[in-house]
Amino acid sequence: MPWKNTEARYSTMTIALHWLMLVLLAVVYACIEFRGIFPKGSGGHTLITEAHFMLGLTVFLLVWLRLFARAQGVAPRIEPTPPSWQRLLATLMHWALYLFMIAMPLLGWLTTSAKGHQVMFYGLDLPLLLHEDKALAKQLQGWHELLGTLGYWLIGLHALAGLYHHYVMRDNTLQRMWRQRGQA
């Protein structure tokens, strides 16, 4: 699976990671939104909360692969070339999304640590990053929730921008992130 982008399109690895992370982020958000259907302390509530932690940390690991793949080459050209202000906004949006995918899992892990709870990651007990401090845990959780809300906006604006470029600007922005026809 090639890692390097070409001038015409993103690499297969970049495309796969992009869409995999979208699915993971959707499931991470769904876990939090739907955990309320289970009574607190029940097995279902615990399972969905642990899935939220585990998948969030999976995003944290994969974002580093995304950054590595990004460093392997330039982004494919957009044809026709958009104005410089759009390129600047796109760059800022991408870096905001990367920062979001790094900060959110770390804040979640810090919050859980400050609550004095262990985080399980695919069967491994991850170390506590902080000593138990309920007041700090509450502050960290507030930041985690605030950034979570911001994440809805970032992801939504990113998707809208792709659709705008595809249907209004009629450029190749979105096509660069799709699997090429005939590709396995």
Protein backbone atom coordinates (compact mmCIF):
# COMPACT_ATOMS: atom_id res chain seq x y z
CA MET A 1 0.00 0.00 0.00
CA PRO A 2 1.78 3.17 -1.16
CA TRP A 3 2.52 5.91 1.39
CA LYS A 4 3.50 8.69 -0.99
CA ASN A 5 1.02 11.06 -2.55
CA THR A 6 1.30 11.95 -6.21
CA GLU A 7 0.58 15.35 -7.69
CA ALA A 8 -2.82 14.04 -8.80
CA ARG A 9 -4.09 12.18 -5.74
CA TYR A 10 -3.47 11.08 -2.18
CA SER A 11 -1.79 7.74 -1.51
CA THR A 12 -3.84 4.64 -0.84
CA MET A 13 -2.59 4.66 2.77
CA THR A 14 -3.58 8.30 3.30
CA ILE A 15 -7.03 7.68 1.84
CA ALA A 16 -7.53 4.53 3.95
CA LEU A 17 -6.43 6.30 7.14
CA HIS A 18 -8.65 9.31 6.41
CA TRP A 19 -11.83 7.26 6.05
CA LEU A 20 -10.93 4.81 8.84
CA MET A 21 -10.43 7.71 11.23
CA LEU A 22 -13.75 9.23 10.18
CA VAL A 23 -15.47 5.97 11.09
CA LEU A 24 -13.56 5.73 14.38
CA LEU A 25 -14.43 9.32 15.31
CA ALA A 26 -18.09 8.67 14.49
CA VAL A 27 -18.09 5.60 16.77
CA VAL A 28 -16.23 7.50 19.53
CA TYR A 29 -18.88 10.22 19.43
CA ALA A 30 -21.69 7.65 19.23
CA CYS A 31 -20.35 5.90 22.35
CA ILE A 32 -20.63 9.10 24.36
CA GLU A 33 -23.99 10.10 22.90
CA PHE A 34 -25.57 6.69 23.51
CA ARG A 35 -24.01 5.68 26.82
CA GLY A 36 -26.96 7.32 28.57
CA ILE A 37 -29.27 4.54 27.38
CA PHE A 38 -27.58 2.30 29.94
CA PRO A 39 -27.91 2.90 33.67
CA LYS A 40 -24.70 4.22 35.26
CA GLY A 41 -22.73 1.35 36.76
CA SER A 42 -24.30 -1.26 34.47
CA GLY A 43 -22.23 -3.55 32.26
CA GLY A 44 -23.54 -1.84 29.12
CA HIS A 45 -22.57 1.61 30.40
CA THR A 46 -19.11 0.37 31.35
CA LEU A 47 -18.64 -1.36 28.00
CA ILE A 48 -19.63 1.66 25.93
CA THR A 49 -17.47 3.97 28.08
CA GLU A 50 -14.45 1.68 27.73
CA ALA A 51 -15.05 1.48 23.96
CA HIS A 52 -15.01 5.31 23.91
CA PHE A 53 -11.63 5.34 25.70
CA MET A 54 -10.10 2.57 23.59
CA LEU A 55 -11.24 3.93 20.23
CA GLY A 56 -10.24 7.47 21.20
CA LEU A 57 -6.73 6.24 21.96
CA THR A 58 -6.75 4.34 18.66
CA VAL A 59 -7.39 7.68 16.94
CA PHE A 60 -4.45 9.09 18.92
CA LEU A 61 -2.14 6.39 17.55
CA LEU A 62 -3.43 6.62 13.99
CA VAL A 63 -3.08 10.40 13.81
CA TRP A 64 0.68 9.92 14.09
CA LEU A 65 0.54 7.60 11.07
CA ARG A 66 -1.46 10.28 9.25
CA LEU A 67 1.18 12.86 10.08
CA PHE A 68 3.92 10.47 8.92
CA ALA A 69 2.07 9.86 5.65
CA ARG A 70 1.58 13.61 5.23
CA ALA A 71 5.32 14.17 5.67
CA GLN A 72 6.09 11.66 2.89
CA GLY A 73 5.12 14.07 0.15
CA VAL A 74 3.16 17.08 -0.88
CA ALA A 75 -0.59 17.25 -1.02
CA PRO A 76 -1.97 16.68 -4.51
CA ARG A 77 -2.72 19.83 -6.48
CA ILE A 78 -6.26 21.16 -6.56
CA GLU A 79 -7.41 21.83 -10.12
CA PRO A 80 -8.40 24.53 -10.81
CA THR A 81 -6.18 26.20 -8.21
CA PRO A 82 -8.23 27.86 -5.45
CA PRO A 83 -7.51 31.37 -4.19
CA SER A 84 -4.71 31.70 -1.62
CA TRP A 85 -7.19 32.53 1.19
CA GLN A 86 -8.93 29.18 0.62
CA ARG A 87 -5.60 27.33 0.68
CA LEU A 88 -4.72 29.08 3.95
CA LEU A 89 -8.09 28.17 5.52
CA ALA A 90 -7.69 24.57 4.36
CA THR A 91 -4.23 24.35 5.92
CA LEU A 92 -5.49 25.84 9.20
CA MET A 93 -8.45 23.43 9.22
CA HIS A 94 -6.24 20.39 8.66
CA TRP A 95 -3.85 21.39 11.45
CA ALA A 96 -6.81 22.12 13.76
CA LEU A 97 -8.13 18.60 13.06
CA TYR A 98 -4.72 17.03 13.73
CA LEU A 99 -4.41 18.98 16.98
CA PHE A 100 -7.95 17.91 17.91
CA MET A 101 -7.12 14.22 17.28
CA ILE A 102 -4.04 14.52 19.50
CA ALA A 103 -5.48 16.69 22.28
CA MET A 104 -8.81 14.91 22.80
CA PRO A 105 -7.45 11.45 23.62
CA LEU A 106 -4.75 12.96 25.83
CA LEU A 107 -7.32 15.04 27.72
CA GLY A 108 -9.50 11.96 28.11
CA TRP A 109 -6.58 9.93 29.45
CA LEU A 110 -5.56 12.74 31.80
CA THR A 111 -9.16 13.10 33.02
CA THR A 112 -9.50 9.38 33.66
CA SER A 113 -6.13 9.34 35.45
CA ALA A 114 -7.09 12.31 37.65
CA LYS A 115 -10.30 10.45 38.55
CA GLY A 116 -8.09 7.58 39.74
CA HIS A 117 -9.34 5.13 37.11
CA GLN A 118 -7.21 2.85 34.96
CA VAL A 119 -7.60 2.99 31.17
CA MET A 120 -7.72 -0.32 29.30
CA PHE A 121 -6.33 -0.32 25.78
CA TYR A 122 -6.90 -3.60 23.94
CA GLY A 123 -6.30 -5.61 27.09
CA LEU A 124 -3.41 -3.51 28.41
CA ASP A 125 -3.68 -1.39 31.54
CA LEU A 126 -2.26 1.98 30.59
CA PRO A 127 -0.39 3.88 33.29
CA LEU A 128 -2.06 6.71 35.14
CA LEU A 129 -0.70 10.01 33.85
CA LEU A 130 -1.65 11.95 36.99
CA HIS A 131 -2.23 11.31 40.66
CA GLU A 132 -5.85 11.24 41.72
CA ASP A 133 -7.24 14.78 41.96
CA LYS A 134 -11.02 15.07 41.65
CA ALA A 135 -10.98 18.88 41.22
CA LEU A 136 -8.43 18.65 38.41
CA ALA A 137 -10.41 15.79 36.86
CA LYS A 138 -13.50 18.01 36.74
CA GLN A 139 -11.54 20.81 35.02
CA LEU A 140 -9.96 18.43 32.52
CA GLN A 141 -13.32 16.84 31.78
CA GLY A 142 -14.76 20.30 31.11
CA TRP A 143 -11.99 20.97 28.58
CA HIS A 144 -12.48 17.51 27.04
CA GLU A 145 -16.21 18.15 26.63
CA LEU A 146 -15.68 21.66 25.24
CA LEU A 147 -13.18 20.38 22.68
CA GLY A 148 -15.57 17.52 21.89
CA THR A 149 -18.21 20.08 20.95
CA LEU A 150 -15.64 22.01 18.91
CA GLY A 151 -14.80 18.72 17.19
CA TYR A 152 -18.34 18.43 15.85
CA TRP A 153 -17.86 21.85 14.24
CA LEU A 154 -14.40 21.08 12.87
CA ILE A 155 -15.47 17.78 11.34
CA GLY A 156 -18.70 19.28 10.00
CA LEU A 157 -16.97 22.28 8.44
CA HIS A 158 -14.32 20.01 6.92
CA ALA A 159 -17.02 17.86 5.33
CA LEU A 160 -18.99 20.89 4.13
CA ALA A 161 -15.87 22.39 2.57
CA GLY A 162 -15.23 19.16 0.66
CA LEU A 163 -18.81 19.11 -0.60
CA TYR A 164 -18.65 22.83 -1.48
CA HIS A 165 -15.52 22.25 -3.54
CA HIS A 166 -17.06 19.25 -5.26
CA TYR A 167 -20.53 20.60 -6.06
CA VAL A 168 -20.06 24.39 -6.20
CA MET A 169 -16.42 25.02 -7.11
CA ARG A 170 -16.37 21.82 -9.21
CA ASP A 171 -12.70 21.22 -8.52
CA ASN A 172 -10.95 17.96 -7.67
CA THR A 173 -10.61 18.53 -3.90
CA LEU A 174 -12.90 15.67 -2.90
CA GLN A 175 -11.89 13.38 -5.76
CA ARG A 176 -8.28 13.37 -4.52
CA MET A 177 -9.48 11.57 -1.36
CA TRP A 178 -11.52 8.84 -3.12
CA ARG A 179 -10.23 5.47 -4.22
CA GLN A 180 -9.46 5.54 -7.92
CA ARG A 181 -11.69 3.42 -10.16
CA GLY A 182 -10.14 0.06 -10.93
CA GLN A 183 -7.89 0.23 -7.87
CA ALA A 184 -7.91 -2.80 -5.57
